[in-house]
Amino acid sequence: MNGEEPGVIRPGAARGMVKSYDPKRSPFGGYITDERSGQDVFVHKSAVGASNPGALQAGQKVEFDIVEDGFGGFRAQNLRAAK
């Protein structure tokens, strides 16, 4: 065990699965389910990249960094395909 509490989101490196992301339906972004906590983490479309807005698909496994969003919550940043 890595000493992390299940169900608690903490800033840092994470892995998860894209729950929803459709830039045509949502002007802001979507959600990734963090595999460590089971919580959904918001991903803003700017974290995906304007040049490739269709890069995320529901069910896709990704690695990302969890950062504080400045509003008392968290968001995903620096997304990359899981290895």
Protein backbone atom coordinates (compact mmCIF):
# COMPACT_ATOMS: atom_id res chain seq x y z
CA MET A 1 0.00 0.00 0.00
CA ASN A 2 1.25 3.47 -0.77
CA GLY A 3 -0.09 5.07 2.43
CA GLU A 4 -2.80 7.05 0.63
CA GLU A 5 -6.29 7.20 2.07
CA PRO A 6 -8.89 5.81 -0.35
CA GLY A 7 -11.60 8.29 -1.26
CA VAL A 8 -9.40 11.35 -0.74
CA ILE A 9 -8.14 13.41 -3.67
CA ARG A 10 -4.64 14.76 -3.20
CA PRO A 11 -2.59 16.99 -5.51
CA GLY A 12 0.04 15.12 -7.50
CA ALA A 13 0.37 12.50 -10.19
CA ALA A 14 -2.68 10.33 -10.83
CA ARG A 15 -4.18 7.74 -13.16
CA GLY A 16 -7.77 7.34 -14.15
CA MET A 17 -10.40 6.86 -16.81
CA VAL A 18 -12.20 9.51 -18.81
CA LYS A 19 -15.79 9.53 -17.57
CA SER A 20 -17.09 12.17 -19.94
CA TYR A 21 -15.57 14.61 -22.38
CA ASP A 22 -17.37 16.09 -25.35
CA PRO A 23 -16.21 19.58 -26.36
CA LYS A 24 -19.21 19.90 -28.68
CA ARG A 25 -21.70 19.41 -25.83
CA SER A 26 -19.83 21.11 -23.00
CA PRO A 27 -17.95 24.35 -23.61
CA PHE A 28 -15.81 23.80 -20.51
CA GLY A 29 -14.59 20.21 -20.40
CA GLY A 30 -15.46 16.93 -18.73
CA TYR A 31 -14.53 14.54 -15.94
CA ILE A 32 -11.93 11.89 -15.21
CA THR A 33 -12.48 9.30 -12.48
CA ASP A 34 -9.34 9.11 -10.33
CA GLU A 35 -8.53 5.42 -9.85
CA ARG A 36 -6.98 5.97 -6.41
CA SER A 37 -9.85 7.85 -4.79
CA GLY A 38 -12.78 6.93 -7.04
CA GLN A 39 -13.67 10.63 -7.16
CA ASP A 40 -14.40 12.54 -10.35
CA VAL A 41 -11.89 15.26 -11.23
CA PHE A 42 -12.83 18.10 -13.57
CA VAL A 43 -10.73 18.50 -16.72
CA HIS A 44 -10.94 21.85 -18.48
CA LYS A 45 -10.71 21.80 -22.26
CA SER A 46 -7.52 23.90 -22.04
CA ALA A 47 -5.78 20.94 -20.34
CA VAL A 48 -6.43 18.85 -23.45
CA GLY A 49 -5.14 21.36 -25.96
CA ALA A 50 -6.91 23.57 -28.44
CA SER A 51 -5.19 21.90 -31.39
CA ASN A 52 -6.67 18.47 -30.58
CA PRO A 53 -10.03 18.90 -28.78
CA GLY A 54 -11.23 15.40 -29.70
CA ALA A 55 -8.19 13.74 -28.12
CA LEU A 56 -10.11 12.46 -25.07
CA GLN A 57 -12.73 9.74 -25.37
CA ALA A 58 -14.98 8.29 -22.67
CA GLY A 59 -13.40 5.10 -21.30
CA GLN A 60 -9.85 6.13 -22.22
CA LYS A 61 -7.20 5.54 -19.54
CA VAL A 62 -5.05 8.57 -18.82
CA GLU A 63 -2.35 9.85 -16.51
CA PHE A 64 -2.63 13.40 -15.23
CA ASP A 65 -1.65 15.77 -12.49
CA ILE A 66 -4.21 16.85 -9.91
CA VAL A 67 -3.90 20.51 -9.00
CA GLU A 68 -5.94 22.83 -6.80
CA ASP A 69 -8.33 24.88 -8.89
CA GLY A 70 -8.31 28.04 -6.75
CA PHE A 71 -11.96 27.58 -5.77
CA GLY A 72 -11.51 24.97 -3.04
CA GLY A 73 -11.54 22.01 -5.42
CA PHE A 74 -9.29 20.14 -7.79
CA ARG A 75 -8.82 19.77 -11.53
CA ALA A 76 -6.81 17.62 -13.91
CA GLN A 77 -3.85 19.10 -15.77
CA ASN A 78 -1.00 17.81 -17.98
CA LEU A 79 -3.03 14.95 -19.44
CA ARG A 80 -1.30 12.11 -21.25
CA ALA A 81 -2.29 8.63 -22.42
CA ALA A 82 -1.71 5.93 -19.79
CA LYS A 83 1.08 3.49 -20.54
